[in-house]
Amino acid sequence: MSDYENYSSASRTDAVEFDAGLRAYMLKVYNYMAAGVGITGLVSWYLGQYFLGNAEAAQAFFGSPMAMIAMFSPFVFVLALSFGINKMSAGTAQLTFWAFAAVMGVSMSSIFLMYTGGSIARIFFITMIMFASLSAWGYTTKRNLGAMGTFLFMGLIGLIVAMVVNMFLQSSAMSFAISVIGVLIFAGLTAWDTQKIKEGYYNVSHSAELAKKGAIMGALSLYLDFLNMFLFLLRLFGNRN
């Protein structure tokens, strides 16, 4: 066998191994993300049912500083993972992600007081279909979504500003526009983040520890895309109690 044939054979073998590693890596990302959504769903459902059956407890919780702590504490976990992931072990990062998902469940328990259980389940199912389709497109497309991602990130900043402004204006028309734009932004971010996670595998493929951390951070990105898309859809189409 010539040197060229040996080189070609080795290159094909490396490509096959890389593709297999990439598929396993993406599967781990989706598994972490799905588990995080599951933890959030279980915690929020349990607390939501408890508060529905105990009005005094609901009033005491949501009328106290604990409600504000529950609302803002998930951001602390996101910041801890985003800025501290390099200093954490993979095991610590994973536990932090699970804790974040559980705390987010506490924060989201109020949706069961605001919306009917049937509409929550319906919107969740719709979100799953949308997310799966958009993530699959982001994974398979040959188009570079970097420019779109930058535009969407700038749009996200504008969306946050608009939400803060509308907290004071209380405009129903603005609230509707924010929800529509929010769905579109996080739909696009789902595809962009999926492509980023896929392309990022090359940088962590040489280390099992780095690959696990990368999978956790990828799961966090997709989790946030899914959750925000769900919440904006719920604001648009959810049936209120």
C-alpha atoms as a PDB file:
ATOM      1  CA  MET A   1       0.000   0.000   0.000  1.00  0.00           C
ATOM      2  CA  SER A   2       1.383   3.414  -0.952  1.00  0.00           C
ATOM      3  CA  ASP A   3       1.995   6.240   1.501  1.00  0.00           C
ATOM      4  CA  TYR A   4      -0.926   8.131  -0.050  1.00  0.00           C
ATOM      5  CA  GLU A   5      -3.274   5.183   0.469  1.00  0.00           C
ATOM      6  CA  ASN A   6      -2.101   4.812   4.067  1.00  0.00           C
ATOM      7  CA  TYR A   7      -2.696   8.536   4.651  1.00  0.00           C
ATOM      8  CA  SER A   8      -6.163   8.402   3.048  1.00  0.00           C
ATOM      9  CA  SER A   9      -7.122   5.361   5.110  1.00  0.00           C
ATOM     10  CA  ALA A  10      -5.949   7.022   8.329  1.00  0.00           C
ATOM     11  CA  SER A  11      -7.824  10.217   7.422  1.00  0.00           C
ATOM     12  CA  ARG A  12     -11.049   8.295   6.812  1.00  0.00           C
ATOM     13  CA  THR A  13     -10.638   6.466  10.118  1.00  0.00           C
ATOM     14  CA  ASP A  14     -10.074   9.752  11.976  1.00  0.00           C
ATOM     15  CA  ALA A  15     -13.136  11.277  10.293  1.00  0.00           C
ATOM     16  CA  VAL A  16     -15.321   8.311  11.260  1.00  0.00           C
ATOM     17  CA  GLU A  17     -14.089   8.460  14.858  1.00  0.00           C
ATOM     18  CA  PHE A  18     -14.669  12.220  14.992  1.00  0.00           C
ATOM     19  CA  ASP A  19     -18.216  11.870  13.640  1.00  0.00           C
ATOM     20  CA  ALA A  20     -18.984   9.141  16.168  1.00  0.00           C
ATOM     21  CA  GLY A  21     -17.589  11.304  18.956  1.00  0.00           C
ATOM     22  CA  LEU A  22     -19.636  14.279  17.759  1.00  0.00           C
ATOM     23  CA  ARG A  23     -22.858  12.262  17.738  1.00  0.00           C
ATOM     24  CA  ALA A  24     -22.161  10.979  21.255  1.00  0.00           C
ATOM     25  CA  TYR A  25     -21.349  14.521  22.399  1.00  0.00           C
ATOM     26  CA  MET A  26     -24.556  16.000  20.973  1.00  0.00           C
ATOM     27  CA  LEU A  27     -26.577  13.160  22.488  1.00  0.00           C
ATOM     28  CA  LYS A  28     -25.058  13.982  25.869  1.00  0.00           C
ATOM     29  CA  VAL A  29     -25.955  17.667  25.379  1.00  0.00           C
ATOM     30  CA  TYR A  30     -29.581  16.801  24.596  1.00  0.00           C
ATOM     31  CA  ASN A  31     -29.752  14.315  27.485  1.00  0.00           C
ATOM     32  CA  TYR A  32     -28.507  16.912  29.968  1.00  0.00           C
ATOM     33  CA  MET A  33     -30.875  19.500  28.540  1.00  0.00           C
ATOM     34  CA  ALA A  34     -33.878  17.134  28.660  1.00  0.00           C
ATOM     35  CA  ALA A  35     -33.048  16.091  32.220  1.00  0.00           C
ATOM     36  CA  GLY A  36     -32.808  19.750  33.247  1.00  0.00           C
ATOM     37  CA  VAL A  37     -36.191  20.518  31.689  1.00  0.00           C
ATOM     38  CA  GLY A  38     -37.606  17.437  33.415  1.00  0.00           C
ATOM     39  CA  ILE A  39     -36.319  18.548  36.830  1.00  0.00           C
ATOM     40  CA  THR A  40     -37.721  22.035  36.312  1.00  0.00           C
ATOM     41  CA  GLY A  41     -41.059  20.626  35.199  1.00  0.00           C
ATOM     42  CA  LEU A  42     -41.401  18.270  38.168  1.00  0.00           C
ATOM     43  CA  VAL A  43     -40.450  20.895  40.757  1.00  0.00           C
ATOM     44  CA  SER A  44     -42.712  23.567  39.248  1.00  0.00           C
ATOM     45  CA  TRP A  45     -45.632  21.131  38.891  1.00  0.00           C
ATOM     46  CA  TYR A  46     -45.326  19.854  42.477  1.00  0.00           C
ATOM     47  CA  LEU A  47     -45.133  23.349  43.966  1.00  0.00           C
ATOM     48  CA  GLY A  48     -47.850  24.612  41.624  1.00  0.00           C
ATOM     49  CA  GLN A  49     -50.240  21.890  42.766  1.00  0.00           C
ATOM     50  CA  TYR A  50     -49.359  22.575  46.389  1.00  0.00           C
ATOM     51  CA  PHE A  51     -50.038  26.289  46.022  1.00  0.00           C
ATOM     52  CA  LEU A  52     -53.294  25.631  44.133  1.00  0.00           C
ATOM     53  CA  GLY A  53     -54.514  23.562  47.060  1.00  0.00           C
ATOM     54  CA  ASN A  54     -53.226  25.923  49.720  1.00  0.00           C
ATOM     55  CA  ALA A  55     -54.105  29.544  48.991  1.00  0.00           C
ATOM     56  CA  GLU A  56     -52.644  30.783  52.278  1.00  0.00           C
ATOM     57  CA  ALA A  57     -49.270  29.206  51.534  1.00  0.00           C
ATOM     58  CA  ALA A  58     -49.311  30.662  48.010  1.00  0.00           C
ATOM     59  CA  GLN A  59     -50.106  34.130  49.319  1.00  0.00           C
ATOM     60  CA  ALA A  60     -47.432  33.863  52.003  1.00  0.00           C
ATOM     61  CA  PHE A  61     -44.784  32.741  49.528  1.00  0.00           C
ATOM     62  CA  PHE A  62     -45.515  35.077  46.625  1.00  0.00           C
ATOM     63  CA  GLY A  63     -46.097  37.998  48.966  1.00  0.00           C
ATOM     64  CA  SER A  64     -42.751  37.584  50.683  1.00  0.00           C
ATOM     65  CA  PRO A  65     -39.117  38.267  49.715  1.00  0.00           C
ATOM     66  CA  MET A  66     -38.797  34.535  49.034  1.00  0.00           C
ATOM     67  CA  ALA A  67     -40.632  35.028  45.748  1.00  0.00           C
ATOM     68  CA  MET A  68     -38.036  37.587  44.602  1.00  0.00           C
ATOM     69  CA  ILE A  69     -35.217  35.305  45.693  1.00  0.00           C
ATOM     70  CA  ALA A  70     -36.758  32.439  43.729  1.00  0.00           C
ATOM     71  CA  MET A  71     -37.137  34.701  40.690  1.00  0.00           C
ATOM     72  CA  PHE A  72     -33.560  35.982  40.579  1.00  0.00           C
ATOM     73  CA  SER A  73     -31.573  33.078  42.033  1.00  0.00           C
ATOM     74  CA  PRO A  74     -31.468  31.167  38.694  1.00  0.00           C
ATOM     75  CA  PHE A  75     -29.420  34.052  37.264  1.00  0.00           C
ATOM     76  CA  VAL A  76     -26.824  33.434  39.968  1.00  0.00           C
ATOM     77  CA  PHE A  77     -26.436  29.837  38.828  1.00  0.00           C
ATOM     78  CA  VAL A  78     -26.191  30.887  35.176  1.00  0.00           C
ATOM     79  CA  LEU A  79     -23.475  33.397  36.032  1.00  0.00           C
ATOM     80  CA  ALA A  80     -21.654  30.836  38.168  1.00  0.00           C
ATOM     81  CA  LEU A  81     -21.594  28.343  35.301  1.00  0.00           C
ATOM     82  CA  SER A  82     -20.794  30.914  32.625  1.00  0.00           C
ATOM     83  CA  PHE A  83     -17.870  32.518  34.421  1.00  0.00           C
ATOM     84  CA  GLY A  84     -16.727  29.689  36.681  1.00  0.00           C
ATOM     85  CA  ILE A  85     -16.936  26.646  34.423  1.00  0.00           C
ATOM     86  CA  ASN A  86     -13.157  26.615  33.816  1.00  0.00           C
ATOM     87  CA  LYS A  87     -12.451  26.437  37.537  1.00  0.00           C
ATOM     88  CA  MET A  88     -15.077  23.769  38.238  1.00  0.00           C
ATOM     89  CA  SER A  89     -14.677  20.064  37.859  1.00  0.00           C
ATOM     90  CA  ALA A  90     -17.102  18.417  35.454  1.00  0.00           C
ATOM     91  CA  GLY A  91     -18.909  16.842  38.418  1.00  0.00           C
ATOM     92  CA  THR A  92     -19.347  20.190  40.159  1.00  0.00           C
ATOM     93  CA  ALA A  93     -20.585  21.803  36.942  1.00  0.00           C
ATOM     94  CA  GLN A  94     -23.141  19.020  36.527  1.00  0.00           C
ATOM     95  CA  LEU A  95     -24.420  19.391  40.109  1.00  0.00           C
ATOM     96  CA  THR A  96     -24.644  23.164  39.602  1.00  0.00           C
ATOM     97  CA  PHE A  97     -26.719  22.615  36.477  1.00  0.00           C
ATOM     98  CA  TRP A  98     -29.104  20.280  38.319  1.00  0.00           C
ATOM     99  CA  ALA A  99     -29.420  22.805  41.160  1.00  0.00           C
ATOM    100  CA  PHE A 100     -30.120  25.556  38.635  1.00  0.00           C
ATOM    101  CA  ALA A 101     -32.868  23.469  37.023  1.00  0.00           C
ATOM    102  CA  ALA A 102     -34.479  22.796  40.415  1.00  0.00           C
ATOM    103  CA  VAL A 103     -34.371  26.473  41.453  1.00  0.00           C
ATOM    104  CA  MET A 104     -35.832  27.436  38.093  1.00  0.00           C
ATOM    105  CA  GLY A 105     -38.683  25.042  38.854  1.00  0.00           C
ATOM    106  CA  VAL A 106     -39.400  26.976  42.054  1.00  0.00           C
ATOM    107  CA  SER A 107     -39.346  30.222  40.083  1.00  0.00           C
ATOM    108  CA  MET A 108     -41.752  28.846  37.462  1.00  0.00           C
ATOM    109  CA  SER A 109     -44.281  27.338  39.871  1.00  0.00           C
ATOM    110  CA  SER A 110     -46.432  30.470  39.556  1.00  0.00           C
ATOM    111  CA  ILE A 111     -47.447  29.566  35.991  1.00  0.00           C
ATOM    112  CA  PHE A 112     -49.762  26.891  37.416  1.00  0.00           C
ATOM    113  CA  LEU A 113     -51.596  29.620  39.305  1.00  0.00           C
ATOM    114  CA  MET A 114     -51.833  31.824  36.221  1.00  0.00           C
ATOM    115  CA  TYR A 115     -52.644  29.319  33.440  1.00  0.00           C
ATOM    116  CA  THR A 116     -54.739  26.184  33.131  1.00  0.00           C
ATOM    117  CA  GLY A 117     -52.913  22.870  33.297  1.00  0.00           C
ATOM    118  CA  GLY A 118     -54.274  21.858  29.894  1.00  0.00           C
ATOM    119  CA  SER A 119     -52.901  24.928  28.147  1.00  0.00           C
ATOM    120  CA  ILE A 120     -49.519  24.528  29.862  1.00  0.00           C
ATOM    121  CA  ALA A 121     -49.292  20.942  28.598  1.00  0.00           C
ATOM    122  CA  ARG A 122     -50.400  21.967  25.106  1.00  0.00           C
ATOM    123  CA  ILE A 123     -47.892  24.812  24.815  1.00  0.00           C
ATOM    124  CA  PHE A 124     -45.144  22.587  26.199  1.00  0.00           C
ATOM    125  CA  PHE A 125     -45.844  19.993  23.493  1.00  0.00           C
ATOM    126  CA  ILE A 126     -45.832  22.680  20.787  1.00  0.00           C
ATOM    127  CA  THR A 127     -42.544  24.024  22.124  1.00  0.00           C
ATOM    128  CA  MET A 128     -40.993  20.558  22.006  1.00  0.00           C
ATOM    129  CA  ILE A 129     -41.910  20.167  18.337  1.00  0.00           C
ATOM    130  CA  MET A 130     -40.610  23.632  17.463  1.00  0.00           C
ATOM    131  CA  PHE A 131     -37.407  23.128  19.417  1.00  0.00           C
ATOM    132  CA  ALA A 132     -36.680  19.725  17.881  1.00  0.00           C
ATOM    133  CA  SER A 133     -37.251  21.064  14.359  1.00  0.00           C
ATOM    134  CA  LEU A 134     -35.146  24.182  14.825  1.00  0.00           C
ATOM    135  CA  SER A 135     -32.323  22.346  16.567  1.00  0.00           C
ATOM    136  CA  ALA A 136     -32.255  19.707  13.830  1.00  0.00           C
ATOM    137  CA  TRP A 137     -32.013  22.462  11.224  1.00  0.00           C
ATOM    138  CA  GLY A 138     -29.210  24.164  13.116  1.00  0.00           C
ATOM    139  CA  TYR A 139     -27.320  20.875  13.284  1.00  0.00           C
ATOM    140  CA  THR A 140     -27.704  19.903   9.629  1.00  0.00           C
ATOM    141  CA  THR A 141     -27.599  23.232   7.771  1.00  0.00           C
ATOM    142  CA  LYS A 142     -24.453  24.086   5.838  1.00  0.00           C
ATOM    143  CA  ARG A 143     -25.204  27.783   6.187  1.00  0.00           C
ATOM    144  CA  ASN A 144     -23.087  29.738   8.671  1.00  0.00           C
ATOM    145  CA  LEU A 145     -25.520  31.149  11.231  1.00  0.00           C
ATOM    146  CA  GLY A 146     -22.971  33.410  12.912  1.00  0.00           C
ATOM    147  CA  ALA A 147     -24.305  36.649  11.425  1.00  0.00           C
ATOM    148  CA  MET A 148     -27.863  35.682  12.316  1.00  0.00           C
ATOM    149  CA  GLY A 149     -26.767  34.830  15.850  1.00  0.00           C
ATOM    150  CA  THR A 150     -25.134  38.224  16.342  1.00  0.00           C
ATOM    151  CA  PHE A 151     -28.296  39.951  15.109  1.00  0.00           C
ATOM    152  CA  LEU A 152     -30.466  37.842  17.407  1.00  0.00           C
ATOM    153  CA  PHE A 153     -28.257  38.566  20.409  1.00  0.00           C
ATOM    154  CA  MET A 154     -28.611  42.298  19.777  1.00  0.00           C
ATOM    155  CA  GLY A 155     -32.363  41.751  19.441  1.00  0.00           C
ATOM    156  CA  LEU A 156     -32.365  39.933  22.772  1.00  0.00           C
ATOM    157  CA  ILE A 157     -30.797  42.930  24.486  1.00  0.00           C
ATOM    158  CA  GLY A 158     -33.456  45.163  22.964  1.00  0.00           C
ATOM    159  CA  LEU A 159     -36.145  42.724  24.081  1.00  0.00           C
ATOM    160  CA  ILE A 160     -34.921  42.820  27.679  1.00  0.00           C
ATOM    161  CA  VAL A 161     -34.950  46.629  27.631  1.00  0.00           C
ATOM    162  CA  ALA A 162     -38.493  46.619  26.224  1.00  0.00           C
ATOM    163  CA  MET A 163     -39.636  44.205  28.941  1.00  0.00           C
ATOM    164  CA  VAL A 164     -38.203  46.445  31.659  1.00  0.00           C
ATOM    165  CA  VAL A 165     -39.886  49.499  30.126  1.00  0.00           C
ATOM    166  CA  ASN A 166     -43.219  47.690  29.884  1.00  0.00           C
ATOM    167  CA  MET A 167     -43.053  46.824  33.578  1.00  0.00           C
ATOM    168  CA  PHE A 168     -43.840  50.508  34.116  1.00  0.00           C
ATOM    169  CA  LEU A 169     -46.053  51.141  31.082  1.00  0.00           C
ATOM    170  CA  GLN A 170     -48.164  47.988  31.475  1.00  0.00           C
ATOM    171  CA  SER A 171     -49.140  48.169  27.787  1.00  0.00           C
ATOM    172  CA  SER A 172     -51.045  45.118  26.533  1.00  0.00           C
ATOM    173  CA  ALA A 173     -50.109  45.890  22.918  1.00  0.00           C
ATOM    174  CA  MET A 174     -46.435  46.151  23.823  1.00  0.00           C
ATOM    175  CA  SER A 175     -46.679  42.959  25.858  1.00  0.00           C
ATOM    176  CA  PHE A 176     -48.116  41.145  22.833  1.00  0.00           C
ATOM    177  CA  ALA A 177     -45.340  42.472  20.581  1.00  0.00           C
ATOM    178  CA  ILE A 178     -42.689  41.464  23.114  1.00  0.00           C
ATOM    179  CA  SER A 179     -44.071  37.918  23.249  1.00  0.00           C
ATOM    180  CA  VAL A 180     -44.123  37.540  19.459  1.00  0.00           C
ATOM    181  CA  ILE A 181     -40.606  38.911  19.075  1.00  0.00           C
ATOM    182  CA  GLY A 182     -39.443  36.772  21.986  1.00  0.00           C
ATOM    183  CA  VAL A 183     -40.665  33.592  20.293  1.00  0.00           C
ATOM    184  CA  LEU A 184     -38.901  34.541  17.054  1.00  0.00           C
ATOM    185  CA  ILE A 185     -35.643  35.442  18.808  1.00  0.00           C
ATOM    186  CA  PHE A 186     -35.409  32.236  20.825  1.00  0.00           C
ATOM    187  CA  ALA A 187     -36.470  30.164  17.834  1.00  0.00           C
ATOM    188  CA  GLY A 188     -33.497  31.586  15.939  1.00  0.00           C
ATOM    189  CA  LEU A 189     -31.190  31.218  18.933  1.00  0.00           C
ATOM    190  CA  THR A 190     -32.090  27.536  19.170  1.00  0.00           C
ATOM    191  CA  ALA A 191     -30.715  26.912  15.678  1.00  0.00           C
ATOM    192  CA  TRP A 192     -27.679  29.154  16.220  1.00  0.00           C
ATOM    193  CA  ASP A 193     -26.761  27.639  19.578  1.00  0.00           C
ATOM    194  CA  THR A 194     -27.074  24.134  18.157  1.00  0.00           C
ATOM    195  CA  GLN A 195     -24.636  24.995  15.383  1.00  0.00           C
ATOM    196  CA  LYS A 196     -22.246  26.616  17.889  1.00  0.00           C
ATOM    197  CA  ILE A 197     -22.339  23.529  20.108  1.00  0.00           C
ATOM    198  CA  LYS A 198     -21.670  21.283  17.136  1.00  0.00           C
ATOM    199  CA  GLU A 199     -18.747  23.392  15.945  1.00  0.00           C
ATOM    200  CA  GLY A 200     -17.401  23.721  19.480  1.00  0.00           C
ATOM    201  CA  TYR A 201     -16.924  19.974  19.786  1.00  0.00           C
ATOM    202  CA  TYR A 202     -13.625  20.261  17.896  1.00  0.00           C
ATOM    203  CA  ASN A 203     -12.159  22.322  20.763  1.00  0.00           C
ATOM    204  CA  VAL A 204     -13.075  19.810  23.482  1.00  0.00           C
ATOM    205  CA  SER A 205     -12.866  16.495  21.641  1.00  0.00           C
ATOM    206  CA  HIS A 206      -9.337  15.800  22.901  1.00  0.00           C
ATOM    207  CA  SER A 207     -10.360  15.748  26.586  1.00  0.00           C
ATOM    208  CA  ALA A 208     -13.161  13.798  28.274  1.00  0.00           C
ATOM    209  CA  GLU A 209     -13.291  16.373  31.102  1.00  0.00           C
ATOM    210  CA  LEU A 210     -13.563  19.313  28.708  1.00  0.00           C
ATOM    211  CA  ALA A 211     -16.123  17.459  26.600  1.00  0.00           C
ATOM    212  CA  LYS A 212     -18.333  16.906  29.647  1.00  0.00           C
ATOM    213  CA  LYS A 213     -18.074  20.576  30.635  1.00  0.00           C
ATOM    214  CA  GLY A 214     -18.815  21.592  27.053  1.00  0.00           C
ATOM    215  CA  ALA A 215     -21.870  19.340  27.007  1.00  0.00           C
ATOM    216  CA  ILE A 216     -23.159  20.914  30.223  1.00  0.00           C
ATOM    217  CA  MET A 217     -22.720  24.451  28.892  1.00  0.00           C
ATOM    218  CA  GLY A 218     -24.342  23.439  25.608  1.00  0.00           C
ATOM    219  CA  ALA A 219     -27.253  21.954  27.524  1.00  0.00           C
ATOM    220  CA  LEU A 220     -27.589  25.185  29.500  1.00  0.00           C
ATOM    221  CA  SER A 221     -27.800  27.243  26.295  1.00  0.00           C
ATOM    222  CA  LEU A 222     -30.438  24.999  24.730  1.00  0.00           C
ATOM    223  CA  TYR A 223     -32.333  24.751  28.027  1.00  0.00           C
ATOM    224  CA  LEU A 224     -32.616  28.552  28.180  1.00  0.00           C
ATOM    225  CA  ASP A 225     -33.709  28.713  24.532  1.00  0.00           C
ATOM    226  CA  PHE A 226     -36.391  26.082  25.121  1.00  0.00           C
ATOM    227  CA  LEU A 227     -37.639  27.566  28.365  1.00  0.00           C
ATOM    228  CA  ASN A 228     -37.897  31.119  27.079  1.00  0.00           C
ATOM    229  CA  MET A 229     -39.610  30.016  23.876  1.00  0.00           C
ATOM    230  CA  PHE A 230     -42.107  28.068  26.011  1.00  0.00           C
ATOM    231  CA  LEU A 231     -42.791  31.031  28.309  1.00  0.00           C
ATOM    232  CA  PHE A 232     -43.327  33.476  25.439  1.00  0.00           C
ATOM    233  CA  LEU A 233     -45.649  31.022  23.677  1.00  0.00           C
ATOM    234  CA  LEU A 234     -47.517  30.552  26.948  1.00  0.00           C
ATOM    235  CA  ARG A 235     -47.973  34.313  27.239  1.00  0.00           C
ATOM    236  CA  LEU A 236     -49.386  34.367  23.711  1.00  0.00           C
ATOM    237  CA  PHE A 237     -51.615  31.319  23.680  1.00  0.00           C
ATOM    238  CA  GLY A 238     -52.028  30.112  27.273  1.00  0.00           C
ATOM    239  CA  ASN A 239     -55.509  30.034  28.808  1.00  0.00           C
ATOM    240  CA  ARG A 240     -55.546  31.922  32.084  1.00  0.00           C
ATOM    241  CA  ASN A 241     -57.230  30.631  35.221  1.00  0.00           C
END
